[in-house]
Amino acid sequence: MTRILIVDDDQHIAELIAVYFKNEGYETDIASDGVKAFQLLNQITPDLIVLDIMMPNMDGLEFCKRVRETSQIPILMVSAKIEDMDKIIGLMTGADDYMIKPFNPLELTARVKALLRRANYKQKDKDEDVIHIGLLDIDKQSHAVSVEGNGIKLTAREFEILYLLAKHRGRVFSSEEIFERVWNELGEGSNQTVMVHISNLRDKLEDALQGEKIIQTVWGVGYKIEK
């Protein structure tokens, strides 16, 4: 069962969040500050942490920094601080996402599901240093793509899309799923963005491969690289 640690000094909010998560089938634990949360981490291994920023004893930013010293567990920060800089600081500290209080519980659960899904992908996916598909070589470490030794210039997003599709060649991805895995954001309304990058990537590859269609596009359904 998925286990979520809720760290918030507002007991009412923490318990309300726990109710919504339990309705989704998640197991929950609650800590009222960073110190108590660390004590819990010695006893449990949560799959995700929902973390308030403003708390006594140890605030959320300090807690997040300490967690990141040893763990990449997904962290969703929640805070009443609404300034852009507060969000930036939270994300730079190591949070994977940031929500402003008060928030819609449905959005909270949607973001948690997205974070858990991405974390699950990372656990299951094992990066290959170099992927060979026909004449195409894709080097993960150097972000280099070449055909028979001739390099193809791709943007960072184009490379990540290509690597994702190549690593799972034959599998169809929706544009929303590609967006979530490459941009690390919720994929709602992302179809046009992904389509533009796919189109540019396809043109570059087909030019390099002299017209051979290595990427098959299934408009409105998803994308895949042919085996």
Foldseek 3Di string as FASTA:
>chain_A
DAEEEEEALPVVVSVVLCVLVVVVVYHYHYHDALVVVVVVVVVDDHQEYEAEADGPPHGRLRSLLVCVVPDLRAYEYEYQDDDPVVQVSSVVSRHLYYYYPPDDSVVVVVLVVLSSVLVVCVVPDDDDQWFDDPQWIAGPVVRWIAGVPHTFDDDQLLSLLVSVQRSVAPDFDAQQRSCCNRVVDGSPPVRVVSVVSVVVSQVRVCVRVVNDRQKDDDPPTGTHGHD
